Amino acid sequence: MISAATALPRSVRGCSLRAVSDRRWRVIDRRGVVIGHVRREQSAQGTRFHAERFELARARMRELGSFCRLDEAVECLAYLR
């Protein structure tokens, strides 16, 4: 069985993706700094990619946006540092 982690590219827009689970990836910039996570969700409307960042003060993941394409979610994380 092929997992969803192998179906996505390992690099997007200069950032590398590391699988955390079958629907969540850690996004790492060129310097090796974790800039957030991307979560994939299936719905009746199709696949959505959610850009998320850990919010230390509240100890939870905060969603920054929901996108149709993986590269858009990665761009969101890169630009909203």
PDB file of N, CA and C in Angstrom:
ATOM      1  N   MET A   1       0.836  -1.182   0.000  1.00  0.00           N
ATOM      2  CA  MET A   1       0.000   0.000   0.000  1.00  0.00           C
ATOM      3  C   MET A   1       0.881   1.245   0.000  1.00  0.00           C
ATOM      4  N   ILE A   2       0.582   2.204  -0.844  1.00  0.00           N
ATOM      5  CA  ILE A   2       1.335   3.451  -0.915  1.00  0.00           C
ATOM      6  C   ILE A   2       0.681   4.457   0.015  1.00  0.00           C
ATOM      7  N   SER A   3       1.474   5.025   0.892  1.00  0.00           N
ATOM      8  CA  SER A   3       0.909   6.005   1.825  1.00  0.00           C
ATOM      9  C   SER A   3       0.799   7.354   1.146  1.00  0.00           C
ATOM     10  N   ALA A   4      -0.004   8.208   1.721  1.00  0.00           N
ATOM     11  CA  ALA A   4      -0.199   9.549   1.172  1.00  0.00           C
ATOM     12  C   ALA A   4       1.080  10.366   1.259  1.00  0.00           C
ATOM     13  N   ALA A   5       1.956  10.026   2.199  1.00  0.00           N
ATOM     14  CA  ALA A   5       3.200  10.771   2.363  1.00  0.00           C
ATOM     15  C   ALA A   5       4.088  10.645   1.139  1.00  0.00           C
ATOM     16  N   THR A   6       4.040   9.516   0.450  1.00  0.00           N
ATOM     17  CA  THR A   6       4.878   9.339  -0.726  1.00  0.00           C
ATOM     18  C   THR A   6       4.256   9.963  -1.960  1.00  0.00           C
ATOM     19  N   ALA A   7       2.998  10.349  -1.902  1.00  0.00           N
ATOM     20  CA  ALA A   7       2.319  10.924  -3.061  1.00  0.00           C
ATOM     21  C   ALA A   7       2.646  12.401  -3.251  1.00  0.00           C
ATOM     22  N   LEU A   8       3.109  13.087  -2.215  1.00  0.00           N
ATOM     23  CA  LEU A   8       3.426  14.506  -2.319  1.00  0.00           C
ATOM     24  C   LEU A   8       4.909  14.696  -2.594  1.00  0.00           C
ATOM     25  N   PRO A   9       5.267  15.809  -3.237  1.00  0.00           N
ATOM     26  CA  PRO A   9       6.681  16.087  -3.494  1.00  0.00           C
ATOM     27  C   PRO A   9       7.435  16.319  -2.196  1.00  0.00           C
ATOM     28  N   ARG A  10       8.735  16.116  -2.236  1.00  0.00           N
ATOM     29  CA  ARG A  10       9.559  16.314  -1.044  1.00  0.00           C
ATOM     30  C   ARG A  10       9.980  17.764  -0.876  1.00  0.00           C
ATOM     31  N   SER A  11       9.840  18.556  -1.946  1.00  0.00           N
ATOM     32  CA  SER A  11      10.232  19.955  -1.905  1.00  0.00           C
ATOM     33  C   SER A  11       9.232  20.801  -2.690  1.00  0.00           C
ATOM     34  N   VAL A  12       8.858  21.926  -2.128  1.00  0.00           N
ATOM     35  CA  VAL A  12       7.936  22.861  -2.773  1.00  0.00           C
ATOM     36  C   VAL A  12       8.447  24.274  -2.521  1.00  0.00           C
ATOM     37  N   ARG A  13       8.640  25.034  -3.591  1.00  0.00           N
ATOM     38  CA  ARG A  13       9.048  26.439  -3.490  1.00  0.00           C
ATOM     39  C   ARG A  13      10.289  26.637  -2.628  1.00  0.00           C
ATOM     40  N   GLY A  14      11.227  25.718  -2.701  1.00  0.00           N
ATOM     41  CA  GLY A  14      12.460  25.832  -1.932  1.00  0.00           C
ATOM     42  C   GLY A  14      12.364  25.332  -0.506  1.00  0.00           C
ATOM     43  N   CYS A  15      11.196  24.935  -0.070  1.00  0.00           N
ATOM     44  CA  CYS A  15      11.004  24.384   1.278  1.00  0.00           C
ATOM     45  C   CYS A  15      10.859  22.873   1.169  1.00  0.00           C
ATOM     46  N   SER A  16      11.409  22.164   2.135  1.00  0.00           N
ATOM     47  CA  SER A  16      11.258  20.709   2.127  1.00  0.00           C
ATOM     48  C   SER A  16      10.070  20.302   2.991  1.00  0.00           C
ATOM     49  N   LEU A  17       9.457  19.185   2.615  1.00  0.00           N
ATOM     50  CA  LEU A  17       8.305  18.646   3.348  1.00  0.00           C
ATOM     51  C   LEU A  17       8.706  17.326   3.990  1.00  0.00           C
ATOM     52  N   ARG A  18       8.429  17.189   5.265  1.00  0.00           N
ATOM     53  CA  ARG A  18       8.699  15.948   5.998  1.00  0.00           C
ATOM     54  C   ARG A  18       7.380  15.438   6.565  1.00  0.00           C
ATOM     55  N   ALA A  19       7.064  14.204   6.256  1.00  0.00           N
ATOM     56  CA  ALA A  19       5.793  13.625   6.705  1.00  0.00           C
ATOM     57  C   ALA A  19       5.782  13.476   8.227  1.00  0.00           C
ATOM     58  N   VAL A  20       4.709  13.954   8.829  1.00  0.00           N
ATOM     59  CA  VAL A  20       4.469  13.774  10.263  1.00  0.00           C
ATOM     60  C   VAL A  20       3.439  12.667  10.449  1.00  0.00           C
ATOM     61  N   SER A  21       2.460  12.632   9.559  1.00  0.00           N
ATOM     62  CA  SER A  21       1.457  11.576   9.505  1.00  0.00           C
ATOM     63  C   SER A  21       1.040  11.424   8.051  1.00  0.00           C
ATOM     64  N   ASP A  22       0.024  10.630   7.789  1.00  0.00           N
ATOM     65  CA  ASP A  22      -0.384  10.439   6.396  1.00  0.00           C
ATOM     66  C   ASP A  22      -1.122  11.653   5.829  1.00  0.00           C
ATOM     67  N   ARG A  23      -1.492  12.639   6.676  1.00  0.00           N
ATOM     68  CA  ARG A  23      -2.154  13.846   6.173  1.00  0.00           C
ATOM     69  C   ARG A  23      -1.552  15.145   6.671  1.00  0.00           C
ATOM     70  N   ARG A  24      -0.390  15.085   7.314  1.00  0.00           N
ATOM     71  CA  ARG A  24       0.257  16.299   7.841  1.00  0.00           C
ATOM     72  C   ARG A  24       1.753  16.247   7.528  1.00  0.00           C
ATOM     73  N   TRP A  25       2.291  17.418   7.097  1.00  0.00           N
ATOM     74  CA  TRP A  25       3.701  17.536   6.760  1.00  0.00           C
ATOM     75  C   TRP A  25       4.300  18.741   7.454  1.00  0.00           C
ATOM     76  N   ARG A  26       5.519  18.584   7.913  1.00  0.00           N
ATOM     77  CA  ARG A  26       6.273  19.687   8.497  1.00  0.00           C
ATOM     78  C   ARG A  26       6.961  20.412   7.337  1.00  0.00           C
ATOM     79  N   VAL A  27       6.894  21.733   7.321  1.00  0.00           N
ATOM     80  CA  VAL A  27       7.499  22.534   6.261  1.00  0.00           C
ATOM     81  C   VAL A  27       8.765  23.180   6.820  1.00  0.00           C
ATOM     82  N   ILE A  28       9.895  22.922   6.136  1.00  0.00           N
ATOM     83  CA  ILE A  28      11.204  23.378   6.597  1.00  0.00           C
ATOM     84  C   ILE A  28      11.820  24.277   5.524  1.00  0.00           C
ATOM     85  N   ASP A  29      12.287  25.453   5.922  1.00  0.00           N
ATOM     86  CA  ASP A  29      12.872  26.371   4.935  1.00  0.00           C
ATOM     87  C   ASP A  29      14.296  25.943   4.576  1.00  0.00           C
ATOM     88  N   ARG A  30      14.956  26.714   3.712  1.00  0.00           N
ATOM     89  CA  ARG A  30      16.299  26.367   3.217  1.00  0.00           C
ATOM     90  C   ARG A  30      17.355  26.374   4.308  1.00  0.00           C
ATOM     91  N   ARG A  31      17.106  27.131   5.387  1.00  0.00           N
ATOM     92  CA  ARG A  31      18.064  27.174   6.501  1.00  0.00           C
ATOM     93  C   ARG A  31      17.872  26.035   7.487  1.00  0.00           C
ATOM     94  N   GLY A  32      16.812  25.244   7.304  1.00  0.00           N
ATOM     95  CA  GLY A  32      16.538  24.135   8.214  1.00  0.00           C
ATOM     96  C   GLY A  32      15.600  24.492   9.349  1.00  0.00           C
ATOM     97  N   VAL A  33      14.948  25.646   9.253  1.00  0.00           N
ATOM     98  CA  VAL A  33      14.026  26.112  10.296  1.00  0.00           C
ATOM     99  C   VAL A  33      12.603  25.669   9.947  1.00  0.00           C
ATOM    100  N   VAL A  34      11.922  25.079  10.926  1.00  0.00           N
ATOM    101  CA  VAL A  34      10.525  24.679  10.728  1.00  0.00           C
ATOM    102  C   VAL A  34       9.675  25.937  10.704  1.00  0.00           C
ATOM    103  N   ILE A  35       8.942  26.149   9.594  1.00  0.00           N
ATOM    104  CA  ILE A  35       8.119  27.354   9.477  1.00  0.00           C
ATOM    105  C   ILE A  35       6.633  27.063   9.646  1.00  0.00           C
ATOM    106  N   GLY A  36       6.263  25.793   9.777  1.00  0.00           N
ATOM    107  CA  GLY A  36       4.866  25.443  10.000  1.00  0.00           C
ATOM    108  C   GLY A  36       4.540  24.048   9.523  1.00  0.00           C
ATOM    109  N   HIS A  37       3.251  23.784   9.392  1.00  0.00           N
ATOM    110  CA  HIS A  37       2.756  22.480   8.950  1.00  0.00           C
ATOM    111  C   HIS A  37       1.694  22.677   7.875  1.00  0.00           C
ATOM    112  N   VAL A  38       1.573  21.681   7.027  1.00  0.00           N
ATOM    113  CA  VAL A  38       0.489  21.638   6.047  1.00  0.00           C
ATOM    114  C   VAL A  38      -0.316  20.377   6.324  1.00  0.00           C
ATOM    115  N   ARG A  39      -1.621  20.559   6.432  1.00  0.00           N
ATOM    116  CA  ARG A  39      -2.530  19.434   6.679  1.00  0.00           C
ATOM    117  C   ARG A  39      -3.439  19.269   5.464  1.00  0.00           C
ATOM    118  N   ARG A  40      -3.546  18.037   4.968  1.00  0.00           N
ATOM    119  CA  ARG A  40      -4.416  17.749   3.835  1.00  0.00           C
ATOM    120  C   ARG A  40      -5.740  17.205   4.346  1.00  0.00           C
ATOM    121  N   GLU A  41      -6.825  17.704   3.757  1.00  0.00           N
ATOM    122  CA  GLU A  41      -8.166  17.279   4.159  1.00  0.00           C
ATOM    123  C   GLU A  41      -9.003  17.004   2.912  1.00  0.00           C
ATOM    124  N   GLN A  42      -9.676  15.880   2.909  1.00  0.00           N
ATOM    125  CA  GLN A  42     -10.590  15.526   1.821  1.00  0.00           C
ATOM    126  C   GLN A  42     -11.992  15.952   2.214  1.00  0.00           C
ATOM    127  N   SER A  43     -12.702  16.563   1.275  1.00  0.00           N
ATOM    128  CA  SER A  43     -14.084  16.947   1.520  1.00  0.00           C
ATOM    129  C   SER A  43     -14.883  16.713   0.252  1.00  0.00           C
ATOM    130  N   ALA A  44     -16.154  16.997   0.313  1.00  0.00           N
ATOM    131  CA  ALA A  44     -17.007  16.828  -0.865  1.00  0.00           C
ATOM    132  C   ALA A  44     -16.584  17.772  -1.992  1.00  0.00           C
ATOM    133  N   GLN A  45     -15.976  18.900  -1.640  1.00  0.00           N
ATOM    134  CA  GLN A  45     -15.526  19.867  -2.640  1.00  0.00           C
ATOM    135  C   GLN A  45     -14.166  19.512  -3.228  1.00  0.00           C
ATOM    136  N   GLY A  46     -13.478  18.540  -2.666  1.00  0.00           N
ATOM    137  CA  GLY A  46     -12.156  18.133  -3.146  1.00  0.00           C
ATOM    138  C   GLY A  46     -11.115  18.233  -2.044  1.00  0.00           C
ATOM    139  N   THR A  47      -9.862  18.164  -2.435  1.00  0.00           N
ATOM    140  CA  THR A  47      -8.752  18.225  -1.489  1.00  0.00           C
ATOM    141  C   THR A  47      -8.429  19.667  -1.137  1.00  0.00           C
ATOM    142  N   ARG A  48      -8.240  19.932   0.157  1.00  0.00           N
ATOM    143  CA  ARG A  48      -7.834  21.251   0.645  1.00  0.00           C
ATOM    144  C   ARG A  48      -6.548  21.084   1.444  1.00  0.00           C
ATOM    145  N   PHE A  49      -5.663  22.047   1.344  1.00  0.00           N
ATOM    146  CA  PHE A  49      -4.410  22.069   2.090  1.00  0.00           C
ATOM    147  C   PHE A  49      -4.464  23.236   3.066  1.00  0.00           C
ATOM    148  N   HIS A  50      -4.299  22.939   4.348  1.00  0.00           N
ATOM    149  CA  HIS A  50      -4.406  23.941   5.410  1.00  0.00           C
ATOM    150  C   HIS A  50      -3.008  24.283   5.924  1.00  0.00           C
ATOM    151  N   ALA A  51      -2.632  25.553   5.834  1.00  0.00           N
ATOM    152  CA  ALA A  51      -1.371  26.038   6.385  1.00  0.00           C
ATOM    153  C   ALA A  51      -1.589  26.303   7.869  1.00  0.00           C
ATOM    154  N   GLU A  52      -0.734  25.717   8.702  1.00  0.00           N
ATOM    155  CA  GLU A  52      -0.890  25.859  10.149  1.00  0.00           C
ATOM    156  C   GLU A  52       0.455  26.163  10.797  1.00  0.00           C
ATOM    157  N   ARG A  53       0.388  26.874  11.906  1.00  0.00           N
ATOM    158  CA  ARG A  53       1.586  27.180  12.668  1.00  0.00           C
ATOM    159  C   ARG A  53       1.266  26.951  14.139  1.00  0.00           C
ATOM    160  N   PHE A  54       2.253  26.432  14.885  1.00  0.00           N
ATOM    161  CA  PHE A  54       2.052  26.189  16.317  1.00  0.00           C
ATOM    162  C   PHE A  54       2.082  27.515  17.062  1.00  0.00           C
ATOM    163  N   GLU A  55       1.079  27.745  17.870  1.00  0.00           N
ATOM    164  CA  GLU A  55       0.967  28.952  18.681  1.00  0.00           C
ATOM    165  C   GLU A  55       1.369  28.585  20.110  1.00  0.00           C
ATOM    166  N   LEU A  56       2.569  28.984  20.491  1.00  0.00           N
ATOM    167  CA  LEU A  56       3.137  28.584  21.771  1.00  0.00           C
ATOM    168  C   LEU A  56       2.323  29.085  22.963  1.00  0.00           C
ATOM    169  N   ALA A  57       1.846  30.320  22.899  1.00  0.00           N
ATOM    170  CA  ALA A  57       1.111  30.902  24.024  1.00  0.00           C
ATOM    171  C   ALA A  57      -0.141  30.106  24.375  1.00  0.00           C
ATOM    172  N   ARG A  58      -0.781  29.531  23.375  1.00  0.00           N
ATOM    173  CA  ARG A  58      -2.005  28.753  23.619  1.00  0.00           C
ATOM    174  C   ARG A  58      -1.796  27.256  23.477  1.00  0.00           C
ATOM    175  N   ALA A  59      -0.592  26.857  23.115  1.00  0.00           N
ATOM    176  CA  ALA A  59      -0.223  25.448  22.956  1.00  0.00           C
ATOM    177  C   ALA A  59      -1.179  24.706  22.015  1.00  0.00           C
ATOM    178  N   ARG A  60      -1.372  25.309  20.838  1.00  0.00           N
ATOM    179  CA  ARG A  60      -2.246  24.684  19.850  1.00  0.00           C
ATOM    180  C   ARG A  60      -1.813  25.108  18.449  1.00  0.00           C
ATOM    181  N   MET A  61      -2.309  24.378  17.449  1.00  0.00           N
ATOM    182  CA  MET A  61      -2.057  24.733  16.067  1.00  0.00           C
ATOM    183  C   MET A  61      -3.056  25.809  15.659  1.00  0.00           C
ATOM    184  N   ARG A  62      -2.573  26.840  14.964  1.00  0.00           N
ATOM    185  CA  ARG A  62      -3.429  27.921  14.473  1.00  0.00           C
ATOM    186  C   ARG A  62      -3.447  27.865  12.953  1.00  0.00           C
ATOM    187  N   GLU A  63      -4.626  27.806  12.376  1.00  0.00           N
ATOM    188  CA  GLU A  63      -4.747  27.756  10.921  1.00  0.00           C
ATOM    189  C   GLU A  63      -4.546  29.144  10.335  1.00  0.00           C
ATOM    190  N   LEU A  64      -3.682  29.230   9.320  1.00  0.00           N
ATOM    191  CA  LEU A  64      -3.401  30.497   8.652  1.00  0.00           C
ATOM    192  C   LEU A  64      -4.205  30.650   7.367  1.00  0.00           C
ATOM    193  N   GLY A  65      -4.639  29.522   6.804  1.00  0.00           N
ATOM    194  CA  GLY A  65      -5.409  29.580   5.573  1.00  0.00           C
ATOM    195  C   GLY A  65      -5.675  28.199   5.022  1.00  0.00           C
ATOM    196  N   SER A  66      -6.639  28.129   4.120  1.00  0.00           N
ATOM    197  CA  SER A  66      -7.026  26.886   3.456  1.00  0.00           C
ATOM    198  C   SER A  66      -6.900  27.109   1.955  1.00  0.00           C
ATOM    199  N   PHE A  67      -6.236  26.185   1.262  1.00  0.00           N
ATOM    200  CA  PHE A  67      -5.896  26.385  -0.143  1.00  0.00           C
ATOM    201  C   PHE A  67      -6.208  25.145  -0.976  1.00  0.00           C
ATOM    202  N   CYS A  68      -6.418  25.366  -2.258  1.00  0.00           N
ATOM    203  CA  CYS A  68      -6.673  24.268  -3.200  1.00  0.00           C
ATOM    204  C   CYS A  68      -5.387  23.563  -3.612  1.00  0.00           C
ATOM    205  N   ARG A  69      -4.269  24.301  -3.534  1.00  0.00           N
ATOM    206  CA  ARG A  69      -2.995  23.744  -3.981  1.00  0.00           C
ATOM    207  C   ARG A  69      -1.971  23.741  -2.854  1.00  0.00           C
ATOM    208  N   LEU A  70      -1.137  22.710  -2.854  1.00  0.00           N
ATOM    209  CA  LEU A  70      -0.093  22.566  -1.845  1.00  0.00           C
ATOM    210  C   LEU A  70       0.888  23.731  -1.879  1.00  0.00           C
ATOM    211  N   ASP A  71       1.317  24.142  -3.058  1.00  0.00           N
ATOM    212  CA  ASP A  71       2.311  25.215  -3.132  1.00  0.00           C
ATOM    213  C   ASP A  71       1.774  26.537  -2.579  1.00  0.00           C
ATOM    214  N   GLU A  72       0.484  26.774  -2.673  1.00  0.00           N
ATOM    215  CA  GLU A  72      -0.100  27.984  -2.092  1.00  0.00           C
ATOM    216  C   GLU A  72      -0.035  27.949  -0.560  1.00  0.00           C
ATOM    217  N   ALA A  73      -0.268  26.778   0.021  1.00  0.00           N
ATOM    218  CA  ALA A  73      -0.192  26.641   1.482  1.00  0.00           C
ATOM    219  C   ALA A  73       1.239  26.851   1.966  1.00  0.00           C
ATOM    220  N   VAL A  74       2.218  26.321   1.222  1.00  0.00           N
ATOM    221  CA  VAL A  74       3.619  26.506   1.579  1.00  0.00           C
ATOM    222  C   VAL A  74       4.012  27.974   1.452  1.00  0.00           C
ATOM    223  N   GLU A  75       3.571  28.637   0.392  1.00  0.00           N
ATOM    224  CA  GLU A  75       3.849  30.072   0.218  1.00  0.00           C
ATOM    225  C   GLU A  75       3.287  30.889   1.379  1.00  0.00           C
ATOM    226  N   CYS A  76       2.115  30.547   1.834  1.00  0.00           N
ATOM    227  CA  CYS A  76       1.486  31.235   2.958  1.00  0.00           C
ATOM    228  C   CYS A  76       2.401  31.154   4.183  1.00  0.00           C
ATOM    229  N   LEU A  77       2.921  29.976   4.472  1.00  0.00           N
ATOM    230  CA  LEU A  77       3.809  29.805   5.617  1.00  0.00           C
ATOM    231  C   LEU A  77       5.097  30.599   5.449  1.00  0.00           C
ATOM    232  N   ALA A  78       5.629  30.600   4.237  1.00  0.00           N
ATOM    233  CA  ALA A  78       6.900  31.288   3.981  1.00  0.00           C
ATOM    234  C   ALA A  78       6.738  32.799   4.106  1.00  0.00           C
ATOM    235  N   TYR A  79       5.646  33.354   3.629  1.00  0.00           N
ATOM    236  CA  TYR A  79       5.464  34.789   3.640  1.00  0.00           C
ATOM    237  C   TYR A  79       4.949  35.331   4.962  1.00  0.00           C
ATOM    238  N   LEU A  80       4.276  34.513   5.754  1.00  0.00           N
ATOM    239  CA  LEU A  80       3.730  34.976   7.045  1.00  0.00           C
ATOM    240  C   LEU A  80       4.616  34.581   8.224  1.00  0.00           C
ATOM    241  N   ARG A  81       5.889  34.795   8.101  1.00  0.00           N
ATOM    242  CA  ARG A  81       6.800  34.497   9.218  1.00  0.00           C
ATOM    243  C   ARG A  81       6.812  35.611  10.201  1.00  0.00           C
TER     244      ARG A  81
END
